Amino acid sequence: SRNNLAGAYRTAGDLERAIPLLERTLADRERMLGTDHPLTKVIRANLSALQ
């Protein structure tokens, strides 16, 4: 999944690739699952940790 790939980029220190993937994933999850869904919140937390 994009979240896993973003995590690999983050671990490698490549935030220029990780952040856009997480932003895209967050937008998709918000659209499909809603803003309060637990899976959406995980992506939001992962993204917040990088910014």
N, C-alpha and C. Protein backbone atom coordinates (compact mmCIF):
# COMPACT_ATOMS: atom_id res chain seq x y z
N SER A 1 0.83 -1.19 0.00
CA SER A 1 0.00 0.00 0.00
C SER A 1 0.88 1.25 0.00
N ARG A 2 0.27 2.36 -0.34
CA ARG A 2 1.02 3.63 -0.34
C ARG A 2 1.53 3.98 1.05
N ASN A 3 0.75 3.64 2.07
CA ASN A 3 1.18 3.93 3.44
C ASN A 3 2.47 3.18 3.77
N ASN A 4 2.55 1.92 3.37
CA ASN A 4 3.75 1.13 3.62
C ASN A 4 4.94 1.67 2.83
N LEU A 5 4.70 2.04 1.59
CA LEU A 5 5.77 2.62 0.78
C LEU A 5 6.25 3.93 1.38
N ALA A 6 5.32 4.75 1.84
CA ALA A 6 5.70 6.01 2.49
C ALA A 6 6.52 5.74 3.75
N GLY A 7 6.17 4.70 4.48
CA GLY A 7 6.94 4.33 5.66
C GLY A 7 8.36 3.91 5.31
N ALA A 8 8.50 3.20 4.21
CA ALA A 8 9.84 2.80 3.76
C ALA A 8 10.65 4.02 3.36
N TYR A 9 10.02 4.95 2.66
CA TYR A 9 10.72 6.19 2.30
C TYR A 9 11.11 6.97 3.55
N ARG A 10 10.22 7.03 4.52
CA ARG A 10 10.50 7.75 5.76
C ARG A 10 11.69 7.11 6.48
N THR A 11 11.70 5.80 6.57
CA THR A 11 12.81 5.09 7.21
C THR A 11 14.13 5.36 6.50
N ALA A 12 14.06 5.48 5.18
CA ALA A 12 15.27 5.76 4.39
C ALA A 12 15.65 7.24 4.43
N GLY A 13 14.81 8.06 5.08
CA GLY A 13 15.09 9.49 5.17
C GLY A 13 14.66 10.29 3.95
N ASP A 14 13.86 9.68 3.10
CA ASP A 14 13.42 10.34 1.86
C ASP A 14 12.03 10.95 2.06
N LEU A 15 11.99 12.06 2.78
CA LEU A 15 10.71 12.71 3.08
C LEU A 15 10.08 13.34 1.85
N GLU A 16 10.88 13.68 0.86
CA GLU A 16 10.34 14.27 -0.37
C GLU A 16 9.43 13.30 -1.10
N ARG A 17 9.63 12.01 -0.90
CA ARG A 17 8.74 11.01 -1.49
C ARG A 17 7.67 10.56 -0.51
N ALA A 18 8.00 10.51 0.77
CA ALA A 18 7.06 10.01 1.77
C ALA A 18 5.86 10.94 1.95
N ILE A 19 6.12 12.22 2.08
CA ILE A 19 5.04 13.17 2.39
C ILE A 19 3.96 13.22 1.31
N PRO A 20 4.32 13.35 0.02
CA PRO A 20 3.25 13.37 -1.00
C PRO A 20 2.42 12.09 -1.03
N LEU A 21 3.06 10.95 -0.79
CA LEU A 21 2.30 9.69 -0.75
C LEU A 21 1.29 9.70 0.39
N LEU A 22 1.73 10.16 1.55
CA LEU A 22 0.82 10.21 2.69
C LEU A 22 -0.29 11.23 2.47
N GLU A 23 0.02 12.35 1.85
CA GLU A 23 -1.01 13.36 1.56
C GLU A 23 -2.07 12.79 0.63
N ARG A 24 -1.63 12.07 -0.40
CA ARG A 24 -2.57 11.47 -1.34
C ARG A 24 -3.40 10.38 -0.66
N THR A 25 -2.75 9.58 0.16
CA THR A 25 -3.46 8.52 0.88
C THR A 25 -4.47 9.11 1.85
N LEU A 26 -4.10 10.17 2.54
CA LEU A 26 -5.02 10.83 3.47
C LEU A 26 -6.24 11.35 2.73
N ALA A 27 -6.04 12.01 1.61
CA ALA A 27 -7.17 12.54 0.83
C ALA A 27 -8.10 11.41 0.39
N ASP A 28 -7.53 10.31 -0.06
CA ASP A 28 -8.34 9.17 -0.49
C ASP A 28 -9.13 8.57 0.67
N ARG A 29 -8.47 8.40 1.80
CA ARG A 29 -9.15 7.80 2.96
C ARG A 29 -10.24 8.72 3.50
N GLU A 30 -9.98 10.02 3.51
CA GLU A 30 -11.02 10.95 3.97
C GLU A 30 -12.23 10.88 3.05
N ARG A 31 -11.99 10.79 1.76
CA ARG A 31 -13.08 10.72 0.79
C ARG A 31 -13.85 9.40 0.92
N MET A 32 -13.13 8.29 1.09
CA MET A 32 -13.78 6.98 1.10
C MET A 32 -14.32 6.57 2.47
N LEU A 33 -13.58 6.92 3.53
CA LEU A 33 -13.93 6.41 4.86
C LEU A 33 -14.44 7.48 5.81
N GLY A 34 -14.15 8.74 5.50
CA GLY A 34 -14.54 9.83 6.39
C GLY A 34 -13.37 10.26 7.26
N THR A 35 -13.49 11.44 7.82
CA THR A 35 -12.38 12.02 8.58
C THR A 35 -12.19 11.39 9.95
N ASP A 36 -13.23 10.76 10.50
CA ASP A 36 -13.13 10.19 11.85
C ASP A 36 -12.85 8.69 11.87
N HIS A 37 -12.68 8.09 10.71
CA HIS A 37 -12.42 6.65 10.66
C HIS A 37 -11.02 6.37 11.23
N PRO A 38 -10.86 5.27 11.98
CA PRO A 38 -9.56 4.95 12.57
C PRO A 38 -8.41 4.85 11.55
N LEU A 39 -8.68 4.29 10.38
CA LEU A 39 -7.61 4.18 9.37
C LEU A 39 -7.22 5.55 8.82
N THR A 40 -8.17 6.45 8.73
CA THR A 40 -7.87 7.81 8.31
C THR A 40 -7.01 8.50 9.36
N LYS A 41 -7.34 8.28 10.61
CA LYS A 41 -6.58 8.90 11.70
C LYS A 41 -5.14 8.41 11.75
N VAL A 42 -4.91 7.15 11.40
CA VAL A 42 -3.54 6.62 11.36
C VAL A 42 -2.71 7.37 10.32
N ILE A 43 -3.26 7.56 9.14
CA ILE A 43 -2.53 8.27 8.09
C ILE A 43 -2.29 9.71 8.51
N ARG A 44 -3.29 10.36 9.09
CA ARG A 44 -3.13 11.74 9.53
C ARG A 44 -2.01 11.85 10.57
N ALA A 45 -1.95 10.91 11.49
CA ALA A 45 -0.90 10.91 12.52
C ALA A 45 0.47 10.67 11.89
N ASN A 46 0.54 9.76 10.94
CA ASN A 46 1.82 9.50 10.26
C ASN A 46 2.30 10.75 9.52
N LEU A 47 1.39 11.42 8.87
CA LEU A 47 1.75 12.64 8.14
C LEU A 47 2.16 13.75 9.10
N SER A 48 1.44 13.90 10.18
CA SER A 48 1.77 14.93 11.16
C SER A 48 3.16 14.72 11.75
N ALA A 49 3.55 13.49 11.92
CA ALA A 49 4.86 13.18 12.49
C ALA A 49 6.00 13.62 11.56
N LEU A 50 5.71 13.75 10.28
CA LEU A 50 6.74 14.12 9.31
C LEU A 50 6.80 15.62 9.04
N GLN A 51 5.78 16.34 9.42
CA GLN A 51 5.73 17.77 9.08
C GLN A 51 6.14 18.64 10.22
